[in-house]
Amino acid sequence: MHHIFVVSGLINSILSWGFFKPLARINYLTYLLHVGVLQLVLYSATYSIEFTDIIAVSVTTLVVYTTELENKMFPRCV
């Protein structure tokens, strides 16, 4: 068990370097803006976008995965 804490301390010290701060901010900004950019691209398309089976499976998988991940990260207090 001690080995896990040593590794996590090492990872924490590496990720705490100042080098990662601008990258983290860019990553967070991208996370905040990506939905708006996707909507802009989809709604301004001058051609029809076909909803193929591959896209349907991909979207369904993404929704299920993110819902499960959210439930594990943020359990609801009942």
PDB file of N, CA and C in Angstrom:
ATOM      1  N   MET A   1       0.819  -1.189   0.000  1.00  0.00           N
ATOM      2  CA  MET A   1       0.000   0.000   0.000  1.00  0.00           C
ATOM      3  C   MET A   1       0.867   1.259   0.000  1.00  0.00           C
ATOM      4  N   HIS A   2       1.994   1.199   0.656  1.00  0.00           N
ATOM      5  CA  HIS A   2       2.886   2.350   0.711  1.00  0.00           C
ATOM      6  C   HIS A   2       3.385   2.725  -0.681  1.00  0.00           C
ATOM      7  N   HIS A   3       3.590   1.709  -1.520  1.00  0.00           N
ATOM      8  CA  HIS A   3       4.086   1.937  -2.883  1.00  0.00           C
ATOM      9  C   HIS A   3       3.114   2.809  -3.684  1.00  0.00           C
ATOM     10  N   ILE A   4       1.817   2.624  -3.496  1.00  0.00           N
ATOM     11  CA  ILE A   4       0.813   3.411  -4.219  1.00  0.00           C
ATOM     12  C   ILE A   4       0.933   4.878  -3.853  1.00  0.00           C
ATOM     13  N   PHE A   5       1.126   5.175  -2.571  1.00  0.00           N
ATOM     14  CA  PHE A   5       1.236   6.560  -2.135  1.00  0.00           C
ATOM     15  C   PHE A   5       2.515   7.215  -2.647  1.00  0.00           C
ATOM     16  N   VAL A   6       3.587   6.452  -2.759  1.00  0.00           N
ATOM     17  CA  VAL A   6       4.840   6.991  -3.293  1.00  0.00           C
ATOM     18  C   VAL A   6       4.661   7.353  -4.760  1.00  0.00           C
ATOM     19  N   VAL A   7       4.035   6.477  -5.531  1.00  0.00           N
ATOM     20  CA  VAL A   7       3.812   6.741  -6.949  1.00  0.00           C
ATOM     21  C   VAL A   7       2.874   7.917  -7.120  1.00  0.00           C
ATOM     22  N   SER A   8       1.803   7.973  -6.344  1.00  0.00           N
ATOM     23  CA  SER A   8       0.866   9.090  -6.480  1.00  0.00           C
ATOM     24  C   SER A   8       1.531  10.397  -6.076  1.00  0.00           C
ATOM     25  N   GLY A   9       2.425  10.367  -5.094  1.00  0.00           N
ATOM     26  CA  GLY A   9       3.165  11.574  -4.720  1.00  0.00           C
ATOM     27  C   GLY A   9       4.093  12.027  -5.837  1.00  0.00           C
ATOM     28  N   LEU A  10       4.708  11.074  -6.514  1.00  0.00           N
ATOM     29  CA  LEU A  10       5.571  11.383  -7.640  1.00  0.00           C
ATOM     30  C   LEU A  10       4.765  11.983  -8.779  1.00  0.00           C
ATOM     31  N   ILE A  11       3.626  11.375  -9.094  1.00  0.00           N
ATOM     32  CA  ILE A  11       2.765  11.899 -10.161  1.00  0.00           C
ATOM     33  C   ILE A  11       2.265  13.288  -9.799  1.00  0.00           C
ATOM     34  N   ASN A  12       1.873  13.480  -8.546  1.00  0.00           N
ATOM     35  CA  ASN A  12       1.400  14.784  -8.091  1.00  0.00           C
ATOM     36  C   ASN A  12       2.497  15.841  -8.224  1.00  0.00           C
ATOM     37  N   SER A  13       3.715  15.492  -7.870  1.00  0.00           N
ATOM     38  CA  SER A  13       4.799  16.481  -7.972  1.00  0.00           C
ATOM     39  C   SER A  13       5.117  16.805  -9.432  1.00  0.00           C
ATOM     40  N   ILE A  14       5.033  15.828 -10.322  1.00  0.00           N
ATOM     41  CA  ILE A  14       5.277  16.082 -11.742  1.00  0.00           C
ATOM     42  C   ILE A  14       4.172  16.959 -12.324  1.00  0.00           C
ATOM     43  N   LEU A  15       2.916  16.632 -12.009  1.00  0.00           N
ATOM     44  CA  LEU A  15       1.800  17.406 -12.545  1.00  0.00           C
ATOM     45  C   LEU A  15       1.670  18.778 -11.904  1.00  0.00           C
ATOM     46  N   SER A  16       2.363  19.015 -10.814  1.00  0.00           N
ATOM     47  CA  SER A  16       2.330  20.325 -10.163  1.00  0.00           C
ATOM     48  C   SER A  16       3.367  21.283 -10.736  1.00  0.00           C
ATOM     49  N   TRP A  17       4.181  20.844 -11.662  1.00  0.00           N
ATOM     50  CA  TRP A  17       5.158  21.730 -12.287  1.00  0.00           C
ATOM     51  C   TRP A  17       4.439  22.892 -12.958  1.00  0.00           C
ATOM     52  N   GLY A  18       5.067  24.035 -12.992  1.00  0.00           N
ATOM     53  CA  GLY A  18       4.484  25.213 -13.615  1.00  0.00           C
ATOM     54  C   GLY A  18       4.243  25.052 -15.108  1.00  0.00           C
ATOM     55  N   PHE A  19       4.976  24.142 -15.725  1.00  0.00           N
ATOM     56  CA  PHE A  19       4.832  23.890 -17.156  1.00  0.00           C
ATOM     57  C   PHE A  19       3.411  23.456 -17.511  1.00  0.00           C
ATOM     58  N   PHE A  20       2.761  22.713 -16.618  1.00  0.00           N
ATOM     59  CA  PHE A  20       1.444  22.154 -16.920  1.00  0.00           C
ATOM     60  C   PHE A  20       0.301  23.138 -16.696  1.00  0.00           C
ATOM     61  N   LYS A  21       0.541  24.241 -15.997  1.00  0.00           N
ATOM     62  CA  LYS A  21      -0.542  25.176 -15.707  1.00  0.00           C
ATOM     63  C   LYS A  21      -1.151  25.780 -16.976  1.00  0.00           C
ATOM     64  N   PRO A  22      -0.356  26.310 -17.927  1.00  0.00           N
ATOM     65  CA  PRO A  22      -0.973  26.824 -19.155  1.00  0.00           C
ATOM     66  C   PRO A  22      -1.660  25.734 -19.968  1.00  0.00           C
ATOM     67  N   LEU A  23      -1.094  24.535 -19.986  1.00  0.00           N
ATOM     68  CA  LEU A  23      -1.727  23.429 -20.706  1.00  0.00           C
ATOM     69  C   LEU A  23      -3.068  23.068 -20.076  1.00  0.00           C
ATOM     70  N   ALA A  24      -3.138  23.085 -18.764  1.00  0.00           N
ATOM     71  CA  ALA A  24      -4.394  22.781 -18.081  1.00  0.00           C
ATOM     72  C   ALA A  24      -5.443  23.840 -18.393  1.00  0.00           C
ATOM     73  N   ARG A  25      -5.042  25.101 -18.449  1.00  0.00           N
ATOM     74  CA  ARG A  25      -5.991  26.174 -18.758  1.00  0.00           C
ATOM     75  C   ARG A  25      -6.489  26.074 -20.191  1.00  0.00           C
ATOM     76  N   ILE A  26      -5.589  25.747 -21.119  1.00  0.00           N
ATOM     77  CA  ILE A  26      -5.995  25.575 -22.518  1.00  0.00           C
ATOM     78  C   ILE A  26      -6.952  24.388 -22.639  1.00  0.00           C
ATOM     79  N   ASN A  27      -6.645  23.316 -21.934  1.00  0.00           N
ATOM     80  CA  ASN A  27      -7.501  22.134 -21.960  1.00  0.00           C
ATOM     81  C   ASN A  27      -8.887  22.459 -21.408  1.00  0.00           C
ATOM     82  N   TYR A  28      -8.962  23.188 -20.313  1.00  0.00           N
ATOM     83  CA  TYR A  28     -10.243  23.547 -19.718  1.00  0.00           C
ATOM     84  C   TYR A  28     -11.024  24.482 -20.638  1.00  0.00           C
ATOM     85  N   LEU A  29     -10.348  25.438 -21.256  1.00  0.00           N
ATOM     86  CA  LEU A  29     -11.010  26.343 -22.191  1.00  0.00           C
ATOM     87  C   LEU A  29     -11.574  25.569 -23.376  1.00  0.00           C
ATOM     88  N   THR A  30     -10.810  24.627 -23.882  1.00  0.00           N
ATOM     89  CA  THR A  30     -11.281  23.788 -24.986  1.00  0.00           C
ATOM     90  C   THR A  30     -12.517  23.003 -24.563  1.00  0.00           C
ATOM     91  N   TYR A  31     -12.507  22.481 -23.347  1.00  0.00           N
ATOM     92  CA  TYR A  31     -13.654  21.757 -22.816  1.00  0.00           C
ATOM     93  C   TYR A  31     -14.885  22.658 -22.767  1.00  0.00           C
ATOM     94  N   LEU A  32     -14.716  23.889 -22.337  1.00  0.00           N
ATOM     95  CA  LEU A  32     -15.849  24.805 -22.236  1.00  0.00           C
ATOM     96  C   LEU A  32     -16.388  25.228 -23.600  1.00  0.00           C
ATOM     97  N   LEU A  33     -15.516  25.372 -24.577  1.00  0.00           N
ATOM     98  CA  LEU A  33     -15.920  25.909 -25.875  1.00  0.00           C
ATOM     99  C   LEU A  33     -16.335  24.864 -26.902  1.00  0.00           C
ATOM    100  N   HIS A  34     -16.006  23.600 -26.692  1.00  0.00           N
ATOM    101  CA  HIS A  34     -16.189  22.621 -27.763  1.00  0.00           C
ATOM    102  C   HIS A  34     -17.653  22.421 -28.158  1.00  0.00           C
ATOM    103  N   VAL A  35     -18.575  22.492 -27.220  1.00  0.00           N
ATOM    104  CA  VAL A  35     -19.989  22.300 -27.565  1.00  0.00           C
ATOM    105  C   VAL A  35     -20.479  23.449 -28.445  1.00  0.00           C
ATOM    106  N   GLY A  36     -20.110  24.664 -28.098  1.00  0.00           N
ATOM    107  CA  GLY A  36     -20.505  25.811 -28.917  1.00  0.00           C
ATOM    108  C   GLY A  36     -19.937  25.747 -30.320  1.00  0.00           C
ATOM    109  N   VAL A  37     -18.694  25.322 -30.431  1.00  0.00           N
ATOM    110  CA  VAL A  37     -18.065  25.197 -31.752  1.00  0.00           C
ATOM    111  C   VAL A  37     -18.768  24.115 -32.568  1.00  0.00           C
ATOM    112  N   LEU A  38     -19.080  22.996 -31.939  1.00  0.00           N
ATOM    113  CA  LEU A  38     -19.796  21.929 -32.644  1.00  0.00           C
ATOM    114  C   LEU A  38     -21.166  22.404 -33.118  1.00  0.00           C
ATOM    115  N   GLN A  39     -21.890  23.125 -32.277  1.00  0.00           N
ATOM    116  CA  GLN A  39     -23.194  23.642 -32.680  1.00  0.00           C
ATOM    117  C   GLN A  39     -23.058  24.629 -33.831  1.00  0.00           C
ATOM    118  N   LEU A  40     -22.070  25.485 -33.768  1.00  0.00           N
ATOM    119  CA  LEU A  40     -21.846  26.456 -34.833  1.00  0.00           C
ATOM    120  C   LEU A  40     -21.583  25.752 -36.161  1.00  0.00           C
ATOM    121  N   VAL A  41     -20.747  24.736 -36.131  1.00  0.00           N
ATOM    122  CA  VAL A  41     -20.421  24.005 -37.354  1.00  0.00           C
ATOM    123  C   VAL A  41     -21.638  23.253 -37.882  1.00  0.00           C
ATOM    124  N   LEU A  42     -22.367  22.589 -36.989  1.00  0.00           N
ATOM    125  CA  LEU A  42     -23.514  21.800 -37.439  1.00  0.00           C
ATOM    126  C   LEU A  42     -24.652  22.673 -37.944  1.00  0.00           C
ATOM    127  N   TYR A  43     -24.940  23.778 -37.254  1.00  0.00           N
ATOM    128  CA  TYR A  43     -26.075  24.620 -37.651  1.00  0.00           C
ATOM    129  C   TYR A  43     -25.763  25.520 -38.841  1.00  0.00           C
ATOM    130  N   SER A  44     -24.493  25.733 -39.127  1.00  0.00           N
ATOM    131  CA  SER A  44     -24.158  26.582 -40.269  1.00  0.00           C
ATOM    132  C   SER A  44     -23.808  25.772 -41.509  1.00  0.00           C
ATOM    133  N   ALA A  45     -23.978  24.464 -41.442  1.00  0.00           N
ATOM    134  CA  ALA A  45     -23.670  23.618 -42.595  1.00  0.00           C
ATOM    135  C   ALA A  45     -24.650  23.908 -43.726  1.00  0.00           C
ATOM    136  N   THR A  46     -24.120  24.019 -44.935  1.00  0.00           N
ATOM    137  CA  THR A  46     -24.964  24.299 -46.099  1.00  0.00           C
ATOM    138  C   THR A  46     -25.411  23.015 -46.795  1.00  0.00           C
ATOM    139  N   TYR A  47     -25.078  21.895 -46.231  1.00  0.00           N
ATOM    140  CA  TYR A  47     -25.478  20.609 -46.787  1.00  0.00           C
ATOM    141  C   TYR A  47     -26.070  19.778 -45.645  1.00  0.00           C
ATOM    142  N   SER A  48     -26.828  18.772 -45.999  1.00  0.00           N
ATOM    143  CA  SER A  48     -27.435  17.945 -44.959  1.00  0.00           C
ATOM    144  C   SER A  48     -26.404  16.962 -44.411  1.00  0.00           C
ATOM    145  N   ILE A  49     -26.454  16.780 -43.134  1.00  0.00           N
ATOM    146  CA  ILE A  49     -25.557  15.837 -42.483  1.00  0.00           C
ATOM    147  C   ILE A  49     -26.359  14.576 -42.199  1.00  0.00           C
ATOM    148  N   GLU A  50     -25.929  13.478 -42.777  1.00  0.00           N
ATOM    149  CA  GLU A  50     -26.667  12.229 -42.627  1.00  0.00           C
ATOM    150  C   GLU A  50     -26.302  11.558 -41.309  1.00  0.00           C
ATOM    151  N   PHE A  51     -27.312  11.084 -40.654  1.00  0.00           N
ATOM    152  CA  PHE A  51     -27.141  10.403 -39.374  1.00  0.00           C
ATOM    153  C   PHE A  51     -27.016   8.916 -39.643  1.00  0.00           C
ATOM    154  N   THR A  52     -25.813   8.468 -39.877  1.00  0.00           N
ATOM    155  CA  THR A  52     -25.587   7.069 -40.234  1.00  0.00           C
ATOM    156  C   THR A  52     -25.601   6.192 -38.993  1.00  0.00           C
ATOM    157  N   ASP A  53     -25.600   4.895 -39.233  1.00  0.00           N
ATOM    158  CA  ASP A  53     -25.596   3.947 -38.127  1.00  0.00           C
ATOM    159  C   ASP A  53     -24.338   4.080 -37.279  1.00  0.00           C
ATOM    160  N   ILE A  54     -23.210   4.355 -37.907  1.00  0.00           N
ATOM    161  CA  ILE A  54     -21.950   4.491 -37.168  1.00  0.00           C
ATOM    162  C   ILE A  54     -22.024   5.683 -36.225  1.00  0.00           C
ATOM    163  N   ILE A  55     -22.562   6.788 -36.706  1.00  0.00           N
ATOM    164  CA  ILE A  55     -22.688   7.968 -35.855  1.00  0.00           C
ATOM    165  C   ILE A  55     -23.666   7.683 -34.722  1.00  0.00           C
ATOM    166  N   ALA A  56     -24.762   7.003 -35.014  1.00  0.00           N
ATOM    167  CA  ALA A  56     -25.754   6.680 -33.986  1.00  0.00           C
ATOM    168  C   ALA A  56     -25.140   5.826 -32.884  1.00  0.00           C
ATOM    169  N   VAL A  57     -24.371   4.821 -33.262  1.00  0.00           N
ATOM    170  CA  VAL A  57     -23.718   3.960 -32.276  1.00  0.00           C
ATOM    171  C   VAL A  57     -22.676   4.756 -31.496  1.00  0.00           C
ATOM    172  N   SER A  58     -21.921   5.604 -32.166  1.00  0.00           N
ATOM    173  CA  SER A  58     -20.897   6.400 -31.498  1.00  0.00           C
ATOM    174  C   SER A  58     -21.511   7.352 -30.478  1.00  0.00           C
ATOM    175  N   VAL A  59     -22.570   8.039 -30.868  1.00  0.00           N
ATOM    176  CA  VAL A  59     -23.218   8.987 -29.964  1.00  0.00           C
ATOM    177  C   VAL A  59     -23.829   8.250 -28.778  1.00  0.00           C
ATOM    178  N   THR A  60     -24.496   7.137 -29.035  1.00  0.00           N
ATOM    179  CA  THR A  60     -25.103   6.362 -27.953  1.00  0.00           C
ATOM    180  C   THR A  60     -24.037   5.865 -26.978  1.00  0.00           C
ATOM    181  N   THR A  61     -22.948   5.360 -27.505  1.00  0.00           N
ATOM    182  CA  THR A  61     -21.850   4.895 -26.658  1.00  0.00           C
ATOM    183  C   THR A  61     -21.289   6.037 -25.824  1.00  0.00           C
ATOM    184  N   LEU A  62     -21.101   7.188 -26.433  1.00  0.00           N
ATOM    185  CA  LEU A  62     -20.567   8.342 -25.722  1.00  0.00           C
ATOM    186  C   LEU A  62     -21.501   8.780 -24.601  1.00  0.00           C
ATOM    187  N   VAL A  63     -22.790   8.824 -24.871  1.00  0.00           N
ATOM    188  CA  VAL A  63     -23.755   9.246 -23.851  1.00  0.00           C
ATOM    189  C   VAL A  63     -23.778   8.267 -22.682  1.00  0.00           C
ATOM    190  N   VAL A  64     -23.803   6.978 -22.992  1.00  0.00           N
ATOM    191  CA  VAL A  64     -23.829   5.968 -21.934  1.00  0.00           C
ATOM    192  C   VAL A  64     -22.541   6.025 -21.122  1.00  0.00           C
ATOM    193  N   TYR A  65     -21.395   6.126 -21.786  1.00  0.00           N
ATOM    194  CA  TYR A  65     -20.110   6.156 -21.096  1.00  0.00           C
ATOM    195  C   TYR A  65     -19.998   7.380 -20.195  1.00  0.00           C
ATOM    196  N   THR A  66     -20.346   8.544 -20.707  1.00  0.00           N
ATOM    197  CA  THR A  66     -20.213   9.753 -19.893  1.00  0.00           C
ATOM    198  C   THR A  66     -21.201   9.759 -18.736  1.00  0.00           C
ATOM    199  N   THR A  67     -22.391   9.189 -18.941  1.00  0.00           N
ATOM    200  CA  THR A  67     -23.359   9.100 -17.842  1.00  0.00           C
ATOM    201  C   THR A  67     -22.837   8.187 -16.751  1.00  0.00           C
ATOM    202  N   GLU A  68     -22.295   7.048 -17.133  1.00  0.00           N
ATOM    203  CA  GLU A  68     -21.730   6.132 -16.144  1.00  0.00           C
ATOM    204  C   GLU A  68     -20.547   6.755 -15.426  1.00  0.00           C
ATOM    205  N   LEU A  69     -19.691   7.444 -16.156  1.00  0.00           N
ATOM    206  CA  LEU A  69     -18.537   8.098 -15.554  1.00  0.00           C
ATOM    207  C   LEU A  69     -18.987   9.180 -14.575  1.00  0.00           C
ATOM    208  N   GLU A  70     -19.987   9.946 -14.958  1.00  0.00           N
ATOM    209  CA  GLU A  70     -20.505  10.991 -14.076  1.00  0.00           C
ATOM    210  C   GLU A  70     -21.096  10.392 -12.808  1.00  0.00           C
ATOM    211  N   ASN A  71     -21.821   9.291 -12.944  1.00  0.00           N
ATOM    212  CA  ASN A  71     -22.405   8.649 -11.767  1.00  0.00           C
ATOM    213  C   ASN A  71     -21.339   8.116 -10.820  1.00  0.00           C
ATOM    214  N   LYS A  72     -20.221   7.659 -11.357  1.00  0.00           N
ATOM    215  CA  LYS A  72     -19.140   7.162 -10.511  1.00  0.00           C
ATOM    216  C   LYS A  72     -18.373   8.308  -9.858  1.00  0.00           C
ATOM    217  N   MET A  73     -18.186   9.409 -10.605  1.00  0.00           N
ATOM    218  CA  MET A  73     -17.426  10.534 -10.056  1.00  0.00           C
ATOM    219  C   MET A  73     -18.241  11.364  -9.077  1.00  0.00           C
ATOM    220  N   PHE A  74     -19.536  11.505  -9.352  1.00  0.00           N
ATOM    221  CA  PHE A  74     -20.399  12.343  -8.528  1.00  0.00           C
ATOM    222  C   PHE A  74     -21.619  11.545  -8.087  1.00  0.00           C
ATOM    223  N   PRO A  75     -21.439  10.642  -7.125  1.00  0.00           N
ATOM    224  CA  PRO A  75     -22.593   9.841  -6.690  1.00  0.00           C
ATOM    225  C   PRO A  75     -23.646  10.723  -6.031  1.00  0.00           C
ATOM    226  N   ARG A  76     -24.880  10.411  -6.301  1.00  0.00           N
ATOM    227  CA  ARG A  76     -25.980  11.185  -5.730  1.00  0.00           C
ATOM    228  C   ARG A  76     -26.251  10.739  -4.298  1.00  0.00           C
ATOM    229  N   CYS A  77     -26.433  11.689  -3.434  1.00  0.00           N
ATOM    230  CA  CYS A  77     -26.788  11.382  -2.053  1.00  0.00           C
ATOM    231  C   CYS A  77     -28.293  11.196  -1.988  1.00  0.00           C
ATOM    232  N   VAL A  78     -28.710  10.032  -1.540  1.00  0.00           N
ATOM    233  CA  VAL A  78     -30.151   9.735  -1.491  1.00  0.00           C
ATOM    234  C   VAL A  78     -30.624   9.824  -0.072  1.00  0.00           C
TER     235      VAL A  78
END
